[in-house]
């Protein structure tokens, strides 16, 4: 069940980032606020995966916290440098 929830959350975050990037007003307060909310959500998912999926002996579960944290860092860098 966690796989489905996590997958749908990641799809939603990806679609939201796409829509904000291509159709949003660059530098607007709303866009910055939504990007910060996305970054916080990715960090929360990283912590959740660290305490749940990381304990399972399956490589993709062990990579999830690194991927979520890396994605959050890249979005934060994009937000700071834009």
PDB file of N, CA and C in Angstrom:
ATOM      1  N   UNK A   1       0.814  -1.189   0.000  1.00  0.00           N
ATOM      2  CA  UNK A   1       0.000   0.000   0.000  1.00  0.00           C
ATOM      3  C   UNK A   1       0.866   1.265   0.000  1.00  0.00           C
ATOM      4  N   UNK A   2       1.987   1.196   0.716  1.00  0.00           N
ATOM      5  CA  UNK A   2       2.878   2.353   0.769  1.00  0.00           C
ATOM      6  C   UNK A   2       3.429   2.672  -0.617  1.00  0.00           C
ATOM      7  N   UNK A   3       3.674   1.646  -1.413  1.00  0.00           N
ATOM      8  CA  UNK A   3       4.188   1.862  -2.769  1.00  0.00           C
ATOM      9  C   UNK A   3       3.215   2.703  -3.580  1.00  0.00           C
ATOM     10  N   UNK A   4       1.931   2.358  -3.496  1.00  0.00           N
ATOM     11  CA  UNK A   4       0.916   3.074  -4.280  1.00  0.00           C
ATOM     12  C   UNK A   4       0.818   4.528  -3.821  1.00  0.00           C
ATOM     13  N   UNK A   5       0.754   4.726  -2.522  1.00  0.00           N
ATOM     14  CA  UNK A   5       0.645   6.084  -1.981  1.00  0.00           C
ATOM     15  C   UNK A   5       1.862   6.922  -2.346  1.00  0.00           C
ATOM     16  N   UNK A   6       3.025   6.345  -2.181  1.00  0.00           N
ATOM     17  CA  UNK A   6       4.264   7.070  -2.495  1.00  0.00           C
ATOM     18  C   UNK A   6       4.349   7.366  -3.994  1.00  0.00           C
ATOM     19  N   UNK A   7       3.953   6.416  -4.805  1.00  0.00           N
ATOM     20  CA  UNK A   7       3.978   6.614  -6.254  1.00  0.00           C
ATOM     21  C   UNK A   7       3.033   7.718  -6.697  1.00  0.00           C
ATOM     22  N   UNK A   8       1.824   7.722  -6.153  1.00  0.00           N
ATOM     23  CA  UNK A   8       0.865   8.773  -6.508  1.00  0.00           C
ATOM     24  C   UNK A   8       1.331  10.142  -6.014  1.00  0.00           C
ATOM     25  N   UNK A   9       1.935  10.180  -4.843  1.00  0.00           N
ATOM     26  CA  UNK A   9       2.463  11.446  -4.322  1.00  0.00           C
ATOM     27  C   UNK A   9       3.577  11.977  -5.218  1.00  0.00           C
ATOM     28  N   UNK A  10       4.459  11.095  -5.643  1.00  0.00           N
ATOM     29  CA  UNK A  10       5.548  11.523  -6.528  1.00  0.00           C
ATOM     30  C   UNK A  10       5.029  11.975  -7.885  1.00  0.00           C
ATOM     31  N   UNK A  11       4.013  11.298  -8.412  1.00  0.00           N
ATOM     32  CA  UNK A  11       3.409  11.742  -9.676  1.00  0.00           C
ATOM     33  C   UNK A  11       2.790  13.129  -9.516  1.00  0.00           C
ATOM     34  N   UNK A  12       2.080  13.346  -8.421  1.00  0.00           N
ATOM     35  CA  UNK A  12       1.475  14.650  -8.172  1.00  0.00           C
ATOM     36  C   UNK A  12       2.536  15.736  -8.054  1.00  0.00           C
ATOM     37  N   UNK A  13       3.603  15.453  -7.307  1.00  0.00           N
ATOM     38  CA  UNK A  13       4.685  16.431  -7.153  1.00  0.00           C
ATOM     39  C   UNK A  13       5.333  16.726  -8.503  1.00  0.00           C
ATOM     40  N   UNK A  14       5.577  15.699  -9.300  1.00  0.00           N
ATOM     41  CA  UNK A  14       6.176  15.900 -10.620  1.00  0.00           C
ATOM     42  C   UNK A  14       5.306  16.736 -11.535  1.00  0.00           C
ATOM     43  N   UNK A  15       4.011  16.453 -11.549  1.00  0.00           N
ATOM     44  CA  UNK A  15       3.084  17.229 -12.384  1.00  0.00           C
ATOM     45  C   UNK A  15       3.016  18.668 -11.892  1.00  0.00           C
ATOM     46  N   UNK A  16       2.997  18.852 -10.579  1.00  0.00           N
ATOM     47  CA  UNK A  16       2.952  20.204 -10.019  1.00  0.00           C
ATOM     48  C   UNK A  16       4.202  21.001 -10.379  1.00  0.00           C
ATOM     49  N   UNK A  17       5.367  20.377 -10.277  1.00  0.00           N
ATOM     50  CA  UNK A  17       6.613  21.050 -10.657  1.00  0.00           C
ATOM     51  C   UNK A  17       6.591  21.405 -12.140  1.00  0.00           C
ATOM     52  N   UNK A  18       6.127  20.484 -12.983  1.00  0.00           N
ATOM     53  CA  UNK A  18       6.035  20.751 -14.421  1.00  0.00           C
ATOM     54  C   UNK A  18       5.128  21.947 -14.696  1.00  0.00           C
ATOM     55  N   UNK A  19       3.945  21.950 -14.093  1.00  0.00           N
ATOM     56  CA  UNK A  19       3.001  23.042 -14.330  1.00  0.00           C
ATOM     57  C   UNK A  19       3.546  24.376 -13.814  1.00  0.00           C
ATOM     58  N   UNK A  20       4.189  24.354 -12.650  1.00  0.00           N
ATOM     59  CA  UNK A  20       4.761  25.593 -12.113  1.00  0.00           C
ATOM     60  C   UNK A  20       5.906  26.113 -12.968  1.00  0.00           C
ATOM     61  N   UNK A  21       6.694  25.192 -13.522  1.00  0.00           N
ATOM     62  CA  UNK A  21       7.846  25.595 -14.320  1.00  0.00           C
ATOM     63  C   UNK A  21       7.430  26.163 -15.667  1.00  0.00           C
ATOM     64  N   UNK A  22       6.497  25.515 -16.331  1.00  0.00           N
ATOM     65  CA  UNK A  22       6.169  25.919 -17.694  1.00  0.00           C
ATOM     66  C   UNK A  22       5.018  26.916 -17.793  1.00  0.00           C
ATOM     67  N   UNK A  23       4.138  26.945 -16.808  1.00  0.00           N
ATOM     68  CA  UNK A  23       2.982  27.826 -16.908  1.00  0.00           C
ATOM     69  C   UNK A  23       2.903  28.860 -15.793  1.00  0.00           C
ATOM     70  N   UNK A  24       3.780  28.762 -14.809  1.00  0.00           N
ATOM     71  CA  UNK A  24       3.744  29.700 -13.689  1.00  0.00           C
ATOM     72  C   UNK A  24       4.451  30.995 -14.008  1.00  0.00           C
ATOM     73  N   UNK A  25       4.192  31.980 -13.187  1.00  0.00           N
ATOM     74  CA  UNK A  25       4.837  33.273 -13.319  1.00  0.00           C
ATOM     75  C   UNK A  25       6.181  33.203 -12.591  1.00  0.00           C
ATOM     76  N   UNK A  26       7.296  33.241 -13.338  1.00  0.00           N
ATOM     77  CA  UNK A  26       8.620  33.081 -12.702  1.00  0.00           C
ATOM     78  C   UNK A  26       8.869  34.120 -11.610  1.00  0.00           C
ATOM     79  N   UNK A  27       9.276  33.652 -10.459  1.00  0.00           N
ATOM     80  CA  UNK A  27       9.616  34.549  -9.370  1.00  0.00           C
ATOM     81  C   UNK A  27       8.444  35.034  -8.544  1.00  0.00           C
ATOM     82  N   UNK A  28       7.237  34.586  -8.851  1.00  0.00           N
ATOM     83  CA  UNK A  28       6.086  35.046  -8.087  1.00  0.00           C
ATOM     84  C   UNK A  28       6.093  34.419  -6.694  1.00  0.00           C
ATOM     85  N   UNK A  29       5.415  35.075  -5.786  1.00  0.00           N
ATOM     86  CA  UNK A  29       5.339  34.584  -4.414  1.00  0.00           C
ATOM     87  C   UNK A  29       4.643  33.229  -4.357  1.00  0.00           C
ATOM     88  N   UNK A  30       3.598  33.055  -5.141  1.00  0.00           N
ATOM     89  CA  UNK A  30       2.878  31.786  -5.161  1.00  0.00           C
ATOM     90  C   UNK A  30       3.780  30.654  -5.637  1.00  0.00           C
ATOM     91  N   UNK A  31       4.535  30.889  -6.680  1.00  0.00           N
ATOM     92  CA  UNK A  31       5.420  29.860  -7.202  1.00  0.00           C
ATOM     93  C   UNK A  31       6.491  29.489  -6.172  1.00  0.00           C
ATOM     94  N   UNK A  32       7.085  30.475  -5.544  1.00  0.00           N
ATOM     95  CA  UNK A  32       8.104  30.201  -4.531  1.00  0.00           C
ATOM     96  C   UNK A  32       7.517  29.436  -3.349  1.00  0.00           C
ATOM     97  N   UNK A  33       6.323  29.821  -2.926  1.00  0.00           N
ATOM     98  CA  UNK A  33       5.666  29.144  -1.808  1.00  0.00           C
ATOM     99  C   UNK A  33       5.371  27.686  -2.142  1.00  0.00           C
ATOM    100  N   UNK A  34       4.893  27.436  -3.348  1.00  0.00           N
ATOM    101  CA  UNK A  34       4.590  26.060  -3.742  1.00  0.00           C
ATOM    102  C   UNK A  34       5.862  25.226  -3.867  1.00  0.00           C
ATOM    103  N   UNK A  35       6.929  25.802  -4.377  1.00  0.00           N
ATOM    104  CA  UNK A  35       8.192  25.068  -4.455  1.00  0.00           C
ATOM    105  C   UNK A  35       8.717  24.732  -3.058  1.00  0.00           C
ATOM    106  N   UNK A  36       8.578  25.647  -2.116  1.00  0.00           N
ATOM    107  CA  UNK A  36       8.998  25.372  -0.744  1.00  0.00           C
ATOM    108  C   UNK A  36       8.147  24.253  -0.148  1.00  0.00           C
ATOM    109  N   UNK A  37       6.836  24.268  -0.416  1.00  0.00           N
ATOM    110  CA  UNK A  37       5.962  23.201   0.069  1.00  0.00           C
ATOM    111  C   UNK A  37       6.361  21.851  -0.537  1.00  0.00           C
ATOM    112  N   UNK A  38       6.733  21.841  -1.800  1.00  0.00           N
ATOM    113  CA  UNK A  38       7.172  20.610  -2.463  1.00  0.00           C
ATOM    114  C   UNK A  38       8.472  20.114  -1.839  1.00  0.00           C
ATOM    115  N   UNK A  39       9.401  21.028  -1.569  1.00  0.00           N
ATOM    116  CA  UNK A  39      10.678  20.656  -0.954  1.00  0.00           C
ATOM    117  C   UNK A  39      10.437  20.056   0.431  1.00  0.00           C
ATOM    118  N   UNK A  40       9.567  20.672   1.214  1.00  0.00           N
ATOM    119  CA  UNK A  40       9.250  20.153   2.550  1.00  0.00           C
ATOM    120  C   UNK A  40       8.621  18.765   2.440  1.00  0.00           C
ATOM    121  N   UNK A  41       7.727  18.574   1.478  1.00  0.00           N
ATOM    122  CA  UNK A  41       7.093  17.267   1.293  1.00  0.00           C
ATOM    123  C   UNK A  41       8.124  16.202   0.924  1.00  0.00           C
ATOM    124  N   UNK A  42       9.062  16.534   0.060  1.00  0.00           N
ATOM    125  CA  UNK A  42      10.105  15.574  -0.310  1.00  0.00           C
ATOM    126  C   UNK A  42      10.988  15.209   0.891  1.00  0.00           C
ATOM    127  N   UNK A  43      11.296  16.180   1.726  1.00  0.00           N
ATOM    128  CA  UNK A  43      12.084  15.900   2.925  1.00  0.00           C
ATOM    129  C   UNK A  43      11.282  15.012   3.886  1.00  0.00           C
ATOM    130  N   UNK A  44       9.988  15.281   4.034  1.00  0.00           N
ATOM    131  CA  UNK A  44       9.150  14.448   4.890  1.00  0.00           C
ATOM    132  C   UNK A  44       9.074  13.015   4.350  1.00  0.00           C
ATOM    133  N   UNK A  45       8.966  12.869   3.039  1.00  0.00           N
ATOM    134  CA  UNK A  45       8.945  11.533   2.445  1.00  0.00           C
ATOM    135  C   UNK A  45      10.282  10.836   2.643  1.00  0.00           C
ATOM    136  N   UNK A  46      11.356  11.593   2.597  1.00  0.00           N
ATOM    137  CA  UNK A  46      12.683  11.028   2.822  1.00  0.00           C
ATOM    138  C   UNK A  46      12.815  10.483   4.238  1.00  0.00           C
ATOM    139  N   UNK A  47      12.355  11.242   5.206  1.00  0.00           N
ATOM    140  CA  UNK A  47      12.414  10.804   6.603  1.00  0.00           C
ATOM    141  C   UNK A  47      11.529   9.578   6.807  1.00  0.00           C
ATOM    142  N   UNK A  48      10.336   9.603   6.245  1.00  0.00           N
ATOM    143  CA  UNK A  48       9.434   8.450   6.355  1.00  0.00           C
ATOM    144  C   UNK A  48      10.066   7.199   5.750  1.00  0.00           C
ATOM    145  N   UNK A  49      10.656   7.342   4.568  1.00  0.00           N
ATOM    146  CA  UNK A  49      11.301   6.198   3.917  1.00  0.00           C
ATOM    147  C   UNK A  49      12.519   5.723   4.699  1.00  0.00           C
ATOM    148  N   UNK A  50      13.198   6.642   5.347  1.00  0.00           N
ATOM    149  CA  UNK A  50      14.363   6.270   6.143  1.00  0.00           C
ATOM    150  C   UNK A  50      13.956   5.370   7.318  1.00  0.00           C
ATOM    151  N   UNK A  51      12.809   5.665   7.917  1.00  0.00           N
ATOM    152  CA  UNK A  51      12.366   4.886   9.071  1.00  0.00           C
ATOM    153  C   UNK A  51      11.544   3.648   8.704  1.00  0.00           C
ATOM    154  N   UNK A  52      11.031   3.571   7.491  1.00  0.00           N
ATOM    155  CA  UNK A  52      10.202   2.418   7.114  1.00  0.00           C
ATOM    156  C   UNK A  52      10.886   1.552   6.066  1.00  0.00           C
ATOM    157  N   UNK A  53      10.996   2.043   4.862  1.00  0.00           N
ATOM    158  CA  UNK A  53      11.513   1.240   3.760  1.00  0.00           C
ATOM    159  C   UNK A  53      12.990   0.945   3.825  1.00  0.00           C
ATOM    160  N   UNK A  54      13.747   1.767   4.525  1.00  0.00           N
ATOM    161  CA  UNK A  54      15.199   1.588   4.581  1.00  0.00           C
ATOM    162  C   UNK A  54      15.584   0.328   5.347  1.00  0.00           C
ATOM    163  N   UNK A  55      14.689  -0.152   6.203  1.00  0.00           N
ATOM    164  CA  UNK A  55      14.974  -1.344   6.999  1.00  0.00           C
ATOM    165  C   UNK A  55      14.830  -2.636   6.195  1.00  0.00           C
ATOM    166  N   UNK A  56      14.161  -2.563   5.059  1.00  0.00           N
ATOM    167  CA  UNK A  56      13.929  -3.738   4.230  1.00  0.00           C
ATOM    168  C   UNK A  56      15.162  -3.983   3.360  1.00  0.00           C
ATOM    169  N   UNK A  57      15.526  -5.220   3.197  1.00  0.00           N
ATOM    170  CA  UNK A  57      16.710  -5.569   2.417  1.00  0.00           C
ATOM    171  C   UNK A  57      16.368  -5.620   0.924  1.00  0.00           C
ATOM    172  N   UNK A  58      16.027  -4.467   0.366  1.00  0.00           N
ATOM    173  CA  UNK A  58      15.670  -4.335  -1.051  1.00  0.00           C
ATOM    174  C   UNK A  58      16.245  -3.004  -1.517  1.00  0.00           C
ATOM    175  N   UNK A  59      17.167  -3.040  -2.460  1.00  0.00           N
ATOM    176  CA  UNK A  59      17.951  -1.869  -2.850  1.00  0.00           C
ATOM    177  C   UNK A  59      17.108  -0.639  -3.220  1.00  0.00           C
ATOM    178  N   UNK A  60      16.037  -0.766  -4.032  1.00  0.00           N
ATOM    179  CA  UNK A  60      15.267   0.448  -4.347  1.00  0.00           C
ATOM    180  C   UNK A  60      14.703   1.153  -3.110  1.00  0.00           C
ATOM    181  N   UNK A  61      14.317   0.397  -2.084  1.00  0.00           N
ATOM    182  CA  UNK A  61      13.829   1.029  -0.856  1.00  0.00           C
ATOM    183  C   UNK A  61      14.940   1.758  -0.125  1.00  0.00           C
ATOM    184  N   UNK A  62      16.135   1.233  -0.193  1.00  0.00           N
ATOM    185  CA  UNK A  62      17.268   1.875   0.466  1.00  0.00           C
ATOM    186  C   UNK A  62      17.702   3.153  -0.270  1.00  0.00           C
ATOM    187  N   UNK A  63      17.399   3.235  -1.562  1.00  0.00           N
ATOM    188  CA  UNK A  63      17.776   4.416  -2.348  1.00  0.00           C
ATOM    189  C   UNK A  63      16.752   5.546  -2.239  1.00  0.00           C
ATOM    190  N   UNK A  64      15.533   5.244  -1.815  1.00  0.00           N
ATOM    191  CA  UNK A  64      14.480   6.257  -1.759  1.00  0.00           C
ATOM    192  C   UNK A  64      14.863   7.498  -0.942  1.00  0.00           C
ATOM    193  N   UNK A  65      15.381   7.355   0.276  1.00  0.00           N
ATOM    194  CA  UNK A  65      15.733   8.575   1.023  1.00  0.00           C
ATOM    195  C   UNK A  65      16.779   9.433   0.305  1.00  0.00           C
ATOM    196  N   UNK A  66      17.734   8.781  -0.346  1.00  0.00           N
ATOM    197  CA  UNK A  66      18.752   9.541  -1.082  1.00  0.00           C
ATOM    198  C   UNK A  66      18.149  10.263  -2.283  1.00  0.00           C
ATOM    199  N   UNK A  67      17.263   9.596  -2.990  1.00  0.00           N
ATOM    200  CA  UNK A  67      16.630  10.199  -4.169  1.00  0.00           C
ATOM    201  C   UNK A  67      15.728  11.365  -3.770  1.00  0.00           C
ATOM    202  N   UNK A  68      14.938  11.184  -2.713  1.00  0.00           N
ATOM    203  CA  UNK A  68      14.051  12.263  -2.261  1.00  0.00           C
ATOM    204  C   UNK A  68      14.851  13.469  -1.778  1.00  0.00           C
ATOM    205  N   UNK A  69      15.897  13.222  -1.006  1.00  0.00           N
ATOM    206  CA  UNK A  69      16.725  14.317  -0.501  1.00  0.00           C
ATOM    207  C   UNK A  69      17.455  15.018  -1.645  1.00  0.00           C
ATOM    208  N   UNK A  70      17.982  14.246  -2.581  1.00  0.00           N
ATOM    209  CA  UNK A  70      18.646  14.833  -3.744  1.00  0.00           C
ATOM    210  C   UNK A  70      17.700  15.687  -4.569  1.00  0.00           C
ATOM    211  N   UNK A  71      16.486  15.206  -4.758  1.00  0.00           N
ATOM    212  CA  UNK A  71      15.485  15.985  -5.507  1.00  0.00           C
ATOM    213  C   UNK A  71      15.150  17.279  -4.785  1.00  0.00           C
ATOM    214  N   UNK A  72      15.006  17.212  -3.465  1.00  0.00           N
ATOM    215  CA  UNK A  72      14.707  18.420  -2.690  1.00  0.00           C
ATOM    216  C   UNK A  72      15.853  19.422  -2.780  1.00  0.00           C
ATOM    217  N   UNK A  73      17.088  18.933  -2.722  1.00  0.00           N
ATOM    218  CA  UNK A  73      18.245  19.826  -2.824  1.00  0.00           C
ATOM    219  C   UNK A  73      18.301  20.489  -4.195  1.00  0.00           C
ATOM    220  N   UNK A  74      18.054  19.718  -5.246  1.00  0.00           N
ATOM    221  CA  UNK A  74      18.067  20.291  -6.596  1.00  0.00           C
ATOM    222  C   UNK A  74      16.966  21.332  -6.782  1.00  0.00           C
ATOM    223  N   UNK A  75      15.780  21.066  -6.256  1.00  0.00           N
ATOM    224  CA  UNK A  75      14.707  22.059  -6.349  1.00  0.00           C
ATOM    225  C   UNK A  75      15.062  23.310  -5.543  1.00  0.00           C
ATOM    226  N   UNK A  76      15.657  23.131  -4.376  1.00  0.00           N
ATOM    227  CA  UNK A  76      16.064  24.277  -3.570  1.00  0.00           C
ATOM    228  C   UNK A  76      17.129  25.108  -4.287  1.00  0.00           C
ATOM    229  N   UNK A  77      18.090  24.440  -4.896  1.00  0.00           N
ATOM    230  CA  UNK A  77      19.108  25.175  -5.667  1.00  0.00           C
ATOM    231  C   UNK A  77      18.475  25.939  -6.837  1.00  0.00           C
ATOM    232  N   UNK A  78      17.536  25.291  -7.515  1.00  0.00           N
ATOM    233  CA  UNK A  78      16.843  25.968  -8.609  1.00  0.00           C
ATOM    234  C   UNK A  78      16.060  27.170  -8.114  1.00  0.00           C
ATOM    235  N   UNK A  79      15.466  27.039  -6.946  1.00  0.00           N
ATOM    236  CA  UNK A  79      14.697  28.152  -6.383  1.00  0.00           C
ATOM    237  C   UNK A  79      15.617  29.302  -5.977  1.00  0.00           C
ATOM    238  N   UNK A  80      16.750  28.977  -5.395  1.00  0.00           N
ATOM    239  CA  UNK A  80      17.696  30.012  -4.953  1.00  0.00           C
ATOM    240  C   UNK A  80      18.363  30.702  -6.147  1.00  0.00           C
ATOM    241  N   UNK A  81      18.736  29.940  -7.153  1.00  0.00           N
ATOM    242  CA  UNK A  81      19.466  30.509  -8.281  1.00  0.00           C
ATOM    243  C   UNK A  81      18.583  31.180  -9.333  1.00  0.00           C
ATOM    244  N   UNK A  82      17.271  31.032  -9.200  1.00  0.00           N
ATOM    245  CA  UNK A  82      16.406  31.648 -10.221  1.00  0.00           C
ATOM    246  C   UNK A  82      16.006  33.065  -9.838  1.00  0.00           C
TER     247      UNK A  82
END
